[in-house]
Protein backbone atom coordinates (compact mmCIF):
# COMPACT_ATOMS: atom_id res chain seq x y z
CA UNK A 1 2.22 14.37 -12.85
CA UNK A 2 -0.20 11.75 -14.15
CA UNK A 3 -3.71 13.23 -14.26
CA UNK A 4 -6.63 10.89 -13.57
CA UNK A 5 -9.91 11.42 -15.41
CA UNK A 6 -11.92 12.46 -12.35
CA UNK A 7 -9.20 14.95 -11.34
CA UNK A 8 -9.60 17.08 -14.49
CA UNK A 9 -12.09 19.58 -12.97
CA UNK A 10 -9.60 20.27 -10.16
CA UNK A 11 -6.72 20.67 -12.61
CA UNK A 12 -8.78 23.07 -14.76
CA UNK A 13 -9.57 25.29 -11.77
CA UNK A 14 -5.90 25.28 -10.72
CA UNK A 15 -4.93 26.44 -14.23
CA UNK A 16 -7.52 29.24 -14.11
CA UNK A 17 -6.16 30.42 -10.75
CA UNK A 18 -2.60 30.38 -12.12
CA UNK A 19 -3.73 32.47 -15.12
CA UNK A 20 -5.40 35.02 -12.85
CA UNK A 21 -2.29 35.31 -10.69
CA UNK A 22 -0.07 35.71 -13.76
CA UNK A 23 -2.39 38.39 -15.17
CA UNK A 24 -2.47 40.27 -11.86
CA UNK A 25 1.33 40.21 -11.67
CA UNK A 26 2.01 41.18 -15.30
CA UNK A 27 -0.55 44.01 -15.40
CA UNK A 28 -0.04 45.13 -11.80
CA UNK A 29 -3.75 44.99 -10.96
CA UNK A 30 -5.59 43.74 -7.89
CA UNK A 31 -7.48 40.54 -8.66
CA UNK A 32 -7.50 39.17 -5.12
CA UNK A 33 -11.31 39.04 -5.05
CA UNK A 34 -11.56 36.92 -8.21
CA UNK A 35 -8.70 34.71 -7.08
CA UNK A 36 -10.29 34.19 -3.68
CA UNK A 37 -13.59 33.16 -5.29
CA UNK A 38 -11.81 30.71 -7.56
CA UNK A 39 -9.86 29.26 -4.62
CA UNK A 40 -13.11 28.73 -2.70
CA UNK A 41 -14.59 26.99 -5.73
CA UNK A 42 -11.43 24.85 -6.03
CA UNK A 43 -11.66 23.82 -2.37
CA UNK A 44 -15.34 22.90 -2.77
CA UNK A 45 -14.69 20.93 -5.96
CA UNK A 46 -11.73 19.07 -4.45
CA UNK A 47 -13.72 18.19 -1.33
CA UNK A 48 -16.71 17.00 -3.36
CA UNK A 49 -14.56 14.75 -5.54
CA UNK A 50 -12.27 13.26 -2.92
CA UNK A 51 -14.91 12.77 -0.23
CA UNK A 52 -17.05 10.71 -2.61
CA UNK A 53 -14.54 8.53 -4.42
CA UNK A 54 -15.83 5.30 -5.94
CA UNK A 55 -13.90 2.05 -5.37
CA UNK A 56 -12.67 2.18 -8.98
CA UNK A 57 -11.36 5.72 -8.51
CA UNK A 58 -9.50 4.58 -5.37
CA UNK A 59 -7.97 1.73 -7.40
CA UNK A 60 -6.73 4.30 -9.93
CA UNK A 61 -5.19 6.40 -7.15
CA UNK A 62 -3.57 3.27 -5.67
CA UNK A 63 -1.82 2.73 -9.01
CA UNK A 64 -0.76 6.36 -9.51
CA UNK A 65 2.83 6.50 -10.76
CA UNK A 66 3.67 9.41 -8.44
CA UNK A 67 2.37 7.66 -5.34
CA UNK A 68 5.05 7.03 -2.66
CA UNK A 69 6.50 3.53 -2.93
CA UNK A 70 8.10 1.32 -0.30
CA UNK A 71 11.55 2.95 -0.40
CA UNK A 72 9.95 6.42 -0.25
CA UNK A 73 8.42 5.46 3.11
CA UNK A 74 11.77 4.02 4.19
CA UNK A 75 13.36 7.37 3.31
CA UNK A 76 10.74 9.62 4.92
CA UNK A 77 9.46 7.56 7.88
CA UNK A 78 12.41 5.37 8.87
CA UNK A 79 16.04 6.12 9.69
CA UNK A 80 19.32 4.17 9.65
CA UNK A 81 18.12 1.79 6.93
CA UNK A 82 20.65 -0.96 6.16
CA UNK A 83 19.51 -3.11 3.23
CA UNK A 84 20.24 -6.83 3.25
CA UNK A 85 20.33 -8.93 0.10
CA UNK A 86 19.76 -12.48 -1.08
CA UNK A 87 17.70 -15.51 -0.10
CA UNK A 88 20.75 -17.84 0.36
CA UNK A 89 19.33 -20.17 -2.31
CA UNK A 90 18.95 -18.48 -5.71
CA UNK A 91 19.90 -14.82 -5.44
CA UNK A 92 18.55 -11.37 -4.68
CA UNK A 93 15.17 -9.99 -5.76
CA UNK A 94 15.16 -6.23 -6.31
CA UNK A 95 11.36 -6.15 -6.18
CA UNK A 96 11.45 -7.10 -2.46
CA UNK A 97 14.01 -4.91 -0.64
CA UNK A 98 14.40 -5.20 3.11
CA UNK A 99 16.75 -4.70 6.00
CA UNK A 100 17.33 -3.21 9.43
CA UNK A 101 16.01 0.27 10.22
CA UNK A 102 14.65 2.50 12.98
CA UNK A 103 11.07 3.69 13.24
CA UNK A 104 11.11 6.48 15.79
CA UNK A 105 13.15 5.06 18.67
CA UNK A 106 12.23 1.46 17.77
CA UNK A 107 14.69 -0.82 15.93
CA UNK A 108 12.83 -2.91 13.35
CA UNK A 109 13.22 -5.03 10.25
CA UNK A 110 11.33 -3.52 7.30
CA UNK A 111 10.47 -5.50 4.15
CA UNK A 112 8.27 -4.62 1.20
CA UNK A 113 7.44 -4.59 -2.49
CA UNK A 114 9.13 -1.88 -4.55
CA UNK A 115 7.81 -0.63 -7.90
CA UNK A 116 9.60 1.58 -10.41
CA UNK A 117 8.72 5.03 -11.75
CA UNK A 118 10.15 4.59 -15.25
CA UNK A 119 10.73 1.72 -17.65
CA UNK A 120 14.32 1.08 -16.56
CA UNK A 121 13.46 0.96 -12.86
CA UNK A 122 10.30 -1.08 -13.46
CA UNK A 123 12.34 -3.70 -15.31
CA UNK A 124 14.82 -3.83 -12.43
CA UNK A 125 12.02 -4.03 -9.83
CA UNK A 126 9.89 -6.34 -12.00
CA UNK A 127 6.94 -3.92 -11.65
CA UNK A 128 6.71 -4.77 -7.95
CA UNK A 129 5.92 -8.45 -8.65
CA UNK A 130 8.27 -10.56 -6.54
CA UNK A 131 9.88 -13.86 -7.52
CA UNK A 132 10.11 -16.87 -5.17
CA UNK A 133 13.53 -15.67 -3.99
CA UNK A 134 11.91 -12.39 -2.93
CA UNK A 135 9.55 -14.19 -0.57
CA UNK A 136 12.33 -16.45 0.67
CA UNK A 137 14.52 -13.42 1.32
CA UNK A 138 11.62 -11.77 3.17
CA UNK A 139 11.23 -14.82 5.42
CA UNK A 140 15.00 -14.98 6.02
CA UNK A 141 14.88 -11.38 7.25
CA UNK A 142 11.84 -12.11 9.42
CA UNK A 143 13.68 -15.01 11.06
CA UNK A 144 16.64 -12.69 11.59
CA UNK A 145 14.30 -10.18 13.24
CA UNK A 146 12.95 -12.93 15.49
CA UNK A 147 16.49 -13.97 16.45
CA UNK A 148 17.28 -10.44 17.64
CA UNK A 149 13.83 -9.70 19.09
CA UNK A 150 12.99 -6.99 16.56
CA UNK A 151 9.48 -6.19 15.29
CA UNK A 152 8.77 -6.76 11.59
CA UNK A 153 7.15 -4.09 9.37
CA UNK A 154 6.00 -5.26 5.94
CA UNK A 155 4.96 -2.79 3.23
CA UNK A 156 2.65 -4.28 0.60
CA UNK A 157 2.40 -2.77 -2.88
CA UNK A 158 2.11 -5.32 -5.67
CA UNK A 159 -0.32 -6.31 -8.42
CA UNK A 160 0.58 -9.91 -7.53
CA UNK A 161 3.48 -12.34 -7.36
CA UNK A 162 5.32 -12.83 -10.65
CA UNK A 163 3.47 -15.48 -12.73
CA UNK A 164 6.29 -16.31 -15.17
CA UNK A 165 7.65 -19.75 -16.04
CA UNK A 166 10.85 -19.18 -14.06
CA UNK A 167 8.88 -18.30 -10.94
CA UNK A 168 6.77 -21.43 -11.34
CA UNK A 169 9.87 -23.57 -11.84
CA UNK A 170 11.32 -22.18 -8.60
CA UNK A 171 7.98 -22.86 -6.86
CA UNK A 172 6.38 -19.47 -6.19
CA UNK A 173 3.32 -21.12 -4.61
CA UNK A 174 5.44 -23.03 -2.10
CA UNK A 175 7.43 -19.91 -1.23
CA UNK A 176 4.26 -17.93 -0.47
CA UNK A 177 2.56 -20.83 1.34
CA UNK A 178 5.62 -21.39 3.52
CA UNK A 179 5.65 -17.69 4.42
CA UNK A 180 2.01 -17.85 5.49
CA UNK A 181 2.74 -20.64 7.94
CA UNK A 182 6.00 -19.25 9.28
CA UNK A 183 4.69 -15.68 9.72
CA UNK A 184 1.88 -17.05 11.86
CA UNK A 185 4.53 -18.52 14.19
CA UNK A 186 6.85 -15.51 14.51
CA UNK A 187 7.45 -14.58 18.14
CA UNK A 188 7.85 -10.87 17.44
CA UNK A 189 5.21 -8.24 16.57
CA UNK A 190 4.38 -8.01 12.88
CA UNK A 191 2.68 -4.97 11.33
CA UNK A 192 1.66 -5.07 7.65
CA UNK A 193 0.69 -1.95 5.71
CA UNK A 194 -0.95 -1.96 2.26
CA UNK A 195 0.54 1.11 0.56
CA UNK A 196 -1.12 0.93 -2.85
CA UNK A 197 -1.96 -2.31 -4.61
CA UNK A 198 -2.50 -5.40 -2.48
CA UNK A 199 -2.91 -8.08 -5.11
CA UNK A 200 -3.61 -11.76 -4.46
CA UNK A 201 -1.09 -14.15 -2.88
CA UNK A 202 1.70 -11.77 -3.79
CA UNK A 203 0.37 -9.41 -1.12
CA UNK A 204 -0.57 -12.11 1.37
CA UNK A 205 2.94 -13.60 1.18
CA UNK A 206 4.13 -10.81 3.49
CA UNK A 207 0.69 -9.97 4.89
CA UNK A 208 0.16 -12.32 7.86
CA UNK A 209 0.45 -9.84 10.71
CA UNK A 210 -0.80 -8.88 14.15
CA UNK A 211 -2.14 -5.67 12.66
CA UNK A 212 -2.97 -5.12 8.98
CA UNK A 213 -3.25 -1.45 8.07
CA UNK A 214 -4.16 0.21 4.78
CA UNK A 215 -3.60 3.61 3.26
CA UNK A 216 -6.91 5.35 2.62
CA UNK A 217 -6.72 4.94 -1.17
CA UNK A 218 -5.11 1.49 -1.33
CA UNK A 219 -6.88 -1.72 -2.29
CA UNK A 220 -6.48 -5.33 -1.11
CA UNK A 221 -8.01 -8.16 -3.10
CA UNK A 222 -7.63 -11.74 -4.30
CA UNK A 223 -7.78 -10.52 -7.93
CA UNK A 224 -7.66 -7.21 -9.79
CA UNK A 225 -10.95 -5.58 -10.83
CA UNK A 226 -9.99 -6.13 -14.48
CA UNK A 227 -9.33 -9.82 -13.84
CA UNK A 228 -12.64 -10.21 -12.04
CA UNK A 229 -14.49 -8.40 -14.83
CA UNK A 230 -12.85 -10.61 -17.47
CA UNK A 231 -14.07 -13.73 -15.63
CA UNK A 232 -17.60 -12.63 -14.66
CA UNK A 233 -18.52 -10.21 -17.47
CA UNK A 234 -16.12 -11.51 -20.12
CA UNK A 235 -14.73 -7.98 -20.65
CA UNK A 236 -12.36 -5.72 -18.74
CA UNK A 237 -14.56 -2.66 -19.38
CA UNK A 238 -16.68 -3.79 -16.41
CA UNK A 239 -13.77 -3.24 -13.99
CA UNK A 240 -15.57 -0.34 -12.20
CA UNK A 241 -18.54 -2.60 -11.47
CA UNK A 242 -16.23 -5.35 -10.28
CA UNK A 243 -14.39 -2.96 -7.97
CA UNK A 244 -17.71 -1.93 -6.42
CA UNK A 245 -18.86 -5.53 -5.93
CA UNK A 246 -15.55 -6.87 -4.57
CA UNK A 247 -15.37 -4.59 -1.49
CA UNK A 248 -11.62 -4.21 -2.00
CA UNK A 249 -10.98 -0.69 -0.67
CA UNK A 250 -9.99 0.28 2.85
CA UNK A 251 -13.36 1.56 4.18
CA UNK A 252 -15.15 -1.63 3.09
CA UNK A 253 -12.42 -3.95 4.40
CA UNK A 254 -12.44 -2.14 7.75
CA UNK A 255 -16.19 -2.74 8.07
CA UNK A 256 -15.64 -6.42 7.29
CA UNK A 257 -12.89 -6.62 9.96
CA UNK A 258 -10.36 -7.83 7.39
CA UNK A 259 -8.02 -4.95 8.24
CA UNK A 260 -7.40 -3.23 11.56
CA UNK A 261 -7.03 0.46 10.69
CA UNK A 262 -7.08 2.96 7.83
CA UNK A 263 -4.24 5.48 7.50
CA UNK A 264 -5.61 8.80 6.18
CA UNK A 265 -4.00 10.45 3.16
CA UNK A 266 -3.65 14.15 2.28
CA UNK A 267 -6.44 15.66 0.13
CA UNK A 268 -6.14 14.22 -3.36
CA UNK A 269 -4.09 11.22 -2.30
CA UNK A 270 -0.64 10.34 -1.01
CA UNK A 271 1.00 11.32 -4.31
CA UNK A 272 0.30 14.99 -3.55
CA UNK A 273 2.43 15.03 -0.36
CA UNK A 274 4.86 12.19 0.33
CA UNK A 275 6.25 13.64 3.55
CA UNK A 276 2.87 14.35 5.15
CA UNK A 277 1.69 10.84 4.30
CA UNK A 278 4.88 9.33 5.75
CA UNK A 279 4.45 11.31 8.97
CA UNK A 280 0.92 9.93 9.53
CA UNK A 281 2.16 6.48 8.50
CA UNK A 282 4.95 6.58 11.12
CA UNK A 283 2.63 7.73 13.90
CA UNK A 284 -0.02 5.09 13.11
CA UNK A 285 2.41 2.17 12.75
CA UNK A 286 4.22 3.07 15.99
CA UNK A 287 0.90 3.25 17.86
CA UNK A 288 -0.14 -0.22 16.70
CA UNK A 289 3.34 -1.59 17.30
CA UNK A 290 3.33 -0.44 20.91
CA UNK A 291 -0.18 -1.85 21.44
CA UNK A 292 0.82 -5.28 20.11
CA UNK A 293 4.11 -5.39 22.04
CA UNK A 294 2.30 -4.55 25.29
CA UNK A 295 0.22 -7.76 25.41
CA UNK A 296 3.16 -10.21 25.61
CA UNK A 297 4.36 -12.89 23.20
CA UNK A 298 1.99 -15.76 24.08
CA UNK A 299 -1.12 -13.59 24.03
CA UNK A 300 0.09 -11.87 20.84
CA UNK A 301 0.44 -15.16 18.99
CA UNK A 302 -2.97 -16.40 20.14
CA UNK A 303 -4.66 -13.15 19.06
CA UNK A 304 -2.90 -13.35 15.68
CA UNK A 305 -4.11 -16.94 15.19
CA UNK A 306 -7.69 -16.10 16.22
CA UNK A 307 -7.70 -13.06 13.96
CA UNK A 308 -7.04 -15.06 10.80
CA UNK A 309 -9.23 -17.99 11.84
CA UNK A 310 -12.16 -15.57 12.07
CA UNK A 311 -11.90 -14.59 8.40
CA UNK A 312 -14.43 -15.95 5.94
CA UNK A 313 -17.80 -14.62 7.14
CA UNK A 314 -20.32 -13.85 4.41
CA UNK A 315 -23.70 -12.22 3.93
CA UNK A 316 -26.59 -13.50 1.86
CA UNK A 317 -28.90 -11.13 0.00
CA UNK A 318 -32.02 -11.74 -2.01
């Protein structure tokens, strides 16, 4: 598993504990006291590190290659998934899978960005950066959900929409802009969850929702910390400072009322326990889904509109 720089003290203690256990087993001696002390130290170290993560450290966790991706949540939290393909204009986009599924006892349409874990899969999934046909497919599935009265669940995990020439030629900006308008008008509940990276318009293209939730170690921002640092400081090495200033992680966004809830992760991050993360994800999404559905369609749409119209407050400091 990929080891992040700030996780090295934890990994070192885990290795020491493994060595003690191996020594106790091979030499048939009782080292339970030493092992217990080391385990206590490990627990203290892990708590100290993960309870005081900086925004930049959370960004690194959000990008972890072992973190559960969209289809991992579909596998662990949803059932009866039936994937649908194509935008009916250009073709299919493997970076934006979606289809019918069940979440608990609720039939839904689930759509999201999918990254890859190795080079081959990343090339197929385009590193989670969707093309225009991905956003058009997403909207087609949302309209299908509306036709059958099914809630929409969108799972956001992208560094941004694909910026290539082909995407520009097929009008990526129009595809995202059209989604923003049409999602605001959907007459079914929409729940969006930021799983890892929530980058720029690529994230917002499936992010207009009645409730916007975030995993504890995800981030949601108009630009990456490296991109911001390159613009303001003229060098990407200032990305940690940019991450701090941008208020892009879940706790900060919750305080600013830009998201509605934070989904807690297991100690160390979601990549340490996919199934436990998916269980909390399912419980939280279902709770918000039931709350939104209970207020009725007209009230739901008005609250959704007011929610996004209220964005844009700022604070001035001297």
